C-alpha atoms as a PDB file:
ATOM      1  CA  UNK A   1       0.005   0.014  -0.003  1.00  0.00           C
ATOM      2  CA  UNK A   2       1.240   3.435  -0.750  1.00  0.00           C
ATOM      3  CA  UNK A   3       2.669   5.129   2.406  1.00  0.00           C
ATOM      4  CA  UNK A   4       1.264   8.452   1.530  1.00  0.00           C
ATOM      5  CA  UNK A   5      -2.243   7.159   1.142  1.00  0.00           C
ATOM      6  CA  UNK A   6      -1.795   5.515   4.596  1.00  0.00           C
ATOM      7  CA  UNK A   7      -0.848   8.783   6.125  1.00  0.00           C
ATOM      8  CA  UNK A   8      -3.579  10.607   4.398  1.00  0.00           C
ATOM      9  CA  UNK A   9      -6.234   8.146   5.460  1.00  0.00           C
ATOM     10  CA  UNK A  10      -4.912   8.104   8.994  1.00  0.00           C
ATOM     11  CA  UNK A  11      -5.167  12.004   9.020  1.00  0.00           C
ATOM     12  CA  UNK A  12      -8.735  11.957   7.830  1.00  0.00           C
ATOM     13  CA  UNK A  13      -9.714   9.440  10.496  1.00  0.00           C
ATOM     14  CA  UNK A  14      -7.930  11.372  13.194  1.00  0.00           C
ATOM     15  CA  UNK A  15      -9.569  14.617  12.123  1.00  0.00           C
ATOM     16  CA  UNK A  16     -12.912  12.933  12.237  1.00  0.00           C
ATOM     17  CA  UNK A  17     -12.437  11.326  15.645  1.00  0.00           C
ATOM     18  CA  UNK A  18     -11.025  14.589  17.254  1.00  0.00           C
ATOM     19  CA  UNK A  19     -13.774  16.788  15.805  1.00  0.00           C
ATOM     20  CA  UNK A  20     -16.439  14.289  17.028  1.00  0.00           C
ATOM     21  CA  UNK A  21     -14.904  14.369  20.385  1.00  0.00           C
ATOM     22  CA  UNK A  22     -15.140  18.158  20.748  1.00  0.00           C
ATOM     23  CA  UNK A  23     -18.816  18.220  19.228  1.00  0.00           C
ATOM     24  CA  UNK A  24     -19.853  15.404  21.783  1.00  0.00           C
ATOM     25  CA  UNK A  25     -18.292  17.512  24.665  1.00  0.00           C
ATOM     26  CA  UNK A  26     -20.447  20.404  23.533  1.00  0.00           C
ATOM     27  CA  UNK A  27     -23.548  18.216  23.350  1.00  0.00           C
ATOM     28  CA  UNK A  28     -22.802  16.839  26.793  1.00  0.00           C
ATOM     29  CA  UNK A  29     -22.623  20.443  28.179  1.00  0.00           C
ATOM     30  CA  UNK A  30     -25.867  21.294  26.410  1.00  0.00           C
ATOM     31  CA  UNK A  31     -27.525  18.499  28.082  1.00  0.00           C
ATOM     32  CA  UNK A  32     -26.172  19.356  31.487  1.00  0.00           C
ATOM     33  CA  UNK A  33     -27.320  23.065  31.030  1.00  0.00           C
ATOM     34  CA  UNK A  34     -30.759  21.696  31.613  1.00  0.00           C
ATOM     35  CA  UNK A  35     -29.965  21.482  35.299  1.00  0.00           C
ATOM     36  CA  UNK A  36     -28.169  24.745  35.659  1.00  0.00           C
ATOM     37  CA  UNK A  37     -29.359  27.500  38.011  1.00  0.00           C
ATOM     38  CA  UNK A  38     -31.588  30.191  36.657  1.00  0.00           C
ATOM     39  CA  UNK A  39     -31.891  33.798  37.535  1.00  0.00           C
ATOM     40  CA  UNK A  40     -33.874  36.814  35.992  1.00  0.00           C
ATOM     41  CA  UNK A  41     -31.895  38.762  33.438  1.00  0.00           C
ATOM     42  CA  UNK A  42     -32.223  41.778  31.267  1.00  0.00           C
ATOM     43  CA  UNK A  43     -32.318  41.497  27.543  1.00  0.00           C
ATOM     44  CA  UNK A  44     -30.140  44.194  25.939  1.00  0.00           C
ATOM     45  CA  UNK A  45     -30.528  43.057  22.445  1.00  0.00           C
ATOM     46  CA  UNK A  46     -32.039  40.249  20.236  1.00  0.00           C
ATOM     47  CA  UNK A  47     -30.670  40.981  16.871  1.00  0.00           C
ATOM     48  CA  UNK A  48     -29.378  38.961  13.991  1.00  0.00           C
ATOM     49  CA  UNK A  49     -26.345  39.871  11.892  1.00  0.00           C
ATOM     50  CA  UNK A  50     -24.755  38.706   8.831  1.00  0.00           C
ATOM     51  CA  UNK A  51     -21.294  37.419   9.007  1.00  0.00           C
ATOM     52  CA  UNK A  52     -19.203  37.626   5.789  1.00  0.00           C
ATOM     53  CA  UNK A  53     -16.379  34.932   5.416  1.00  0.00           C
ATOM     54  CA  UNK A  54     -13.964  35.999   2.747  1.00  0.00           C
ATOM     55  CA  UNK A  55     -11.291  33.531   1.067  1.00  0.00           C
ATOM     56  CA  UNK A  56      -9.332  33.583  -2.075  1.00  0.00           C
ATOM     57  CA  UNK A  57     -10.087  31.939  -5.341  1.00  0.00           C
ATOM     58  CA  UNK A  58      -7.291  30.294  -7.248  1.00  0.00           C
ATOM     59  CA  UNK A  59      -7.352  32.939  -9.887  1.00  0.00           C
ATOM     60  CA  UNK A  60      -6.626  35.679  -7.065  1.00  0.00           C
ATOM     61  CA  UNK A  61     -10.165  36.978  -6.919  1.00  0.00           C
ATOM     62  CA  UNK A  62     -12.147  37.098  -3.716  1.00  0.00           C
ATOM     63  CA  UNK A  63     -14.574  34.498  -2.813  1.00  0.00           C
ATOM     64  CA  UNK A  64     -17.118  35.606  -0.151  1.00  0.00           C
ATOM     65  CA  UNK A  65     -19.771  33.696   1.642  1.00  0.00           C
ATOM     66  CA  UNK A  66     -22.176  34.921   4.270  1.00  0.00           C
ATOM     67  CA  UNK A  67     -24.126  33.418   7.207  1.00  0.00           C
ATOM     68  CA  UNK A  68     -27.016  34.859   9.347  1.00  0.00           C
ATOM     69  CA  UNK A  69     -26.040  34.404  13.094  1.00  0.00           C
ATOM     70  CA  UNK A  70     -27.750  35.434  16.386  1.00  0.00           C
ATOM     71  CA  UNK A  71     -26.504  38.540  17.970  1.00  0.00           C
ATOM     72  CA  UNK A  72     -28.021  38.634  21.351  1.00  0.00           C
ATOM     73  CA  UNK A  73     -26.799  40.363  24.558  1.00  0.00           C
ATOM     74  CA  UNK A  74     -28.117  39.983  27.978  1.00  0.00           C
ATOM     75  CA  UNK A  75     -27.069  40.768  31.522  1.00  0.00           C
ATOM     76  CA  UNK A  76     -27.683  38.911  34.732  1.00  0.00           C
ATOM     77  CA  UNK A  77     -26.399  38.880  38.324  1.00  0.00           C
ATOM     78  CA  UNK A  78     -25.131  35.947  40.372  1.00  0.00           C
ATOM     79  CA  UNK A  79     -24.100  36.433  43.966  1.00  0.00           C
ATOM     80  CA  UNK A  80     -23.946  40.201  43.594  1.00  0.00           C
ATOM     81  CA  UNK A  81     -21.702  40.088  40.532  1.00  0.00           C
ATOM     82  CA  UNK A  82     -23.010  41.235  37.212  1.00  0.00           C
ATOM     83  CA  UNK A  83     -22.315  39.171  34.044  1.00  0.00           C
ATOM     84  CA  UNK A  84     -23.009  39.672  30.361  1.00  0.00           C
ATOM     85  CA  UNK A  85     -23.926  36.702  28.066  1.00  0.00           C
ATOM     86  CA  UNK A  86     -24.480  36.252  24.335  1.00  0.00           C
ATOM     87  CA  UNK A  87     -25.331  32.578  23.954  1.00  0.00           C
ATOM     88  CA  UNK A  88     -28.954  31.839  23.126  1.00  0.00           C
ATOM     89  CA  UNK A  89     -28.483  28.057  22.488  1.00  0.00           C
ATOM     90  CA  UNK A  90     -25.731  25.598  22.431  1.00  0.00           C
ATOM     91  CA  UNK A  91     -26.086  25.452  18.727  1.00  0.00           C
ATOM     92  CA  UNK A  92     -25.422  29.141  18.042  1.00  0.00           C
ATOM     93  CA  UNK A  93     -22.213  28.301  15.959  1.00  0.00           C
ATOM     94  CA  UNK A  94     -23.953  25.893  13.648  1.00  0.00           C
ATOM     95  CA  UNK A  95     -25.581  27.315  10.346  1.00  0.00           C
ATOM     96  CA  UNK A  96     -29.359  27.356  10.597  1.00  0.00           C
ATOM     97  CA  UNK A  97     -32.006  28.326   8.283  1.00  0.00           C
ATOM     98  CA  UNK A  98     -32.769  32.145   8.382  1.00  0.00           C
ATOM     99  CA  UNK A  99     -36.432  31.219   9.113  1.00  0.00           C
ATOM    100  CA  UNK A 100     -35.420  29.221  12.373  1.00  0.00           C
ATOM    101  CA  UNK A 101     -33.188  32.315  13.502  1.00  0.00           C
ATOM    102  CA  UNK A 102     -36.109  34.701  12.769  1.00  0.00           C
ATOM    103  CA  UNK A 103     -38.447  32.600  14.927  1.00  0.00           C
ATOM    104  CA  UNK A 104     -35.873  32.559  17.756  1.00  0.00           C
ATOM    105  CA  UNK A 105     -35.635  36.340  17.395  1.00  0.00           C
ATOM    106  CA  UNK A 106     -39.328  36.775  17.406  1.00  0.00           C
ATOM    107  CA  UNK A 107     -39.571  34.663  20.650  1.00  0.00           C
ATOM    108  CA  UNK A 108     -37.574  37.456  22.429  1.00  0.00           C
ATOM    109  CA  UNK A 109     -38.631  40.603  20.589  1.00  0.00           C
ATOM    110  CA  UNK A 110     -40.126  43.137  22.838  1.00  0.00           C
ATOM    111  CA  UNK A 111     -38.968  41.396  26.038  1.00  0.00           C
ATOM    112  CA  UNK A 112     -36.976  43.213  28.647  1.00  0.00           C
ATOM    113  CA  UNK A 113     -36.895  40.572  31.391  1.00  0.00           C
ATOM    114  CA  UNK A 114     -35.756  37.072  30.573  1.00  0.00           C
ATOM    115  CA  UNK A 115     -34.620  33.921  32.385  1.00  0.00           C
ATOM    116  CA  UNK A 116     -30.954  33.166  32.234  1.00  0.00           C
ATOM    117  CA  UNK A 117     -29.568  29.702  32.842  1.00  0.00           C
ATOM    118  CA  UNK A 118     -25.964  29.855  34.182  1.00  0.00           C
ATOM    119  CA  UNK A 119     -23.422  27.179  35.227  1.00  0.00           C
ATOM    120  CA  UNK A 120     -23.065  27.171  38.983  1.00  0.00           C
ATOM    121  CA  UNK A 121     -19.477  26.035  38.662  1.00  0.00           C
ATOM    122  CA  UNK A 122     -18.755  28.984  36.343  1.00  0.00           C
ATOM    123  CA  UNK A 123     -21.549  31.763  36.454  1.00  0.00           C
ATOM    124  CA  UNK A 124     -19.913  33.501  33.601  1.00  0.00           C
ATOM    125  CA  UNK A 125     -21.173  30.587  31.331  1.00  0.00           C
ATOM    126  CA  UNK A 126     -24.811  31.110  30.515  1.00  0.00           C
ATOM    127  CA  UNK A 127     -27.488  30.358  27.973  1.00  0.00           C
ATOM    128  CA  UNK A 128     -31.052  31.402  27.329  1.00  0.00           C
ATOM    129  CA  UNK A 129     -32.504  28.188  25.983  1.00  0.00           C
ATOM    130  CA  UNK A 130     -30.746  25.138  27.825  1.00  0.00           C
ATOM    131  CA  UNK A 131     -30.488  21.673  26.374  1.00  0.00           C
ATOM    132  CA  UNK A 132     -29.387  20.369  22.951  1.00  0.00           C
ATOM    133  CA  UNK A 133     -31.255  20.384  19.712  1.00  0.00           C
ATOM    134  CA  UNK A 134     -31.017  18.619  16.308  1.00  0.00           C
ATOM    135  CA  UNK A 135     -28.629  21.388  15.184  1.00  0.00           C
ATOM    136  CA  UNK A 136     -26.093  20.218  17.885  1.00  0.00           C
ATOM    137  CA  UNK A 137     -25.870  16.917  16.189  1.00  0.00           C
ATOM    138  CA  UNK A 138     -25.648  17.920  12.530  1.00  0.00           C
ATOM    139  CA  UNK A 139     -21.768  18.697  12.724  1.00  0.00           C
ATOM    140  CA  UNK A 140     -21.324  14.980  13.530  1.00  0.00           C
ATOM    141  CA  UNK A 141     -22.086  14.192   9.886  1.00  0.00           C
ATOM    142  CA  UNK A 142     -18.868  16.044   8.834  1.00  0.00           C
ATOM    143  CA  UNK A 143     -16.892  14.135  11.492  1.00  0.00           C
ATOM    144  CA  UNK A 144     -18.403  10.820  10.236  1.00  0.00           C
ATOM    145  CA  UNK A 145     -17.691  11.576   6.552  1.00  0.00           C
ATOM    146  CA  UNK A 146     -14.003  12.223   7.572  1.00  0.00           C
ATOM    147  CA  UNK A 147     -13.727   8.943   9.146  1.00  0.00           C
ATOM    148  CA  UNK A 148     -15.467   7.261   6.310  1.00  0.00           C
ATOM    149  CA  UNK A 149     -13.204   8.884   3.743  1.00  0.00           C
ATOM    150  CA  UNK A 150     -10.087   7.817   5.765  1.00  0.00           C
ATOM    151  CA  UNK A 151     -11.403   4.218   5.866  1.00  0.00           C
ATOM    152  CA  UNK A 152     -12.169   4.354   2.151  1.00  0.00           C
ATOM    153  CA  UNK A 153      -8.703   5.665   1.335  1.00  0.00           C
ATOM    154  CA  UNK A 154      -7.082   3.047   3.577  1.00  0.00           C
ATOM    155  CA  UNK A 155      -8.877   0.324   1.650  1.00  0.00           C
ATOM    156  CA  UNK A 156      -7.838   1.607  -1.923  1.00  0.00           C
ATOM    157  CA  UNK A 157      -4.640  -0.413  -2.510  1.00  0.00           C
ATOM    158  CA  UNK A 158      -5.691  -3.686  -0.792  1.00  0.00           C
END
């Protein structure tokens, strides 16, 4: 078997396993957040913003992509100390349909007082909607594909 192919397949499998480990750790924390303490908080903003990702095309031109992301800000107090949070869900970093994000925004529109869930072991860590959703699991597809690609590449020269 070609040694370069072995190395490449190993890298693919390793990337898939490592990324799955981090994704599963975040899912575990999302589930744990269901048991976090809660306090009243003040909603500062419940906005959505467009993030533009810029790369380079092989011909030197700019390649741009964008995504709509939540841009929430809220404050809350734990044991006399004031904190600011931005996390709405544990899947905020996962691309979602604009309709899902707008529905989330509508849920908080016009609200000043909210409930904030915070980690009792680290009160600076908070979320508005505790628990996991389907969006927490979708990145595992990419991890699975990396592992499968590595297995496929490893079996090419058998």
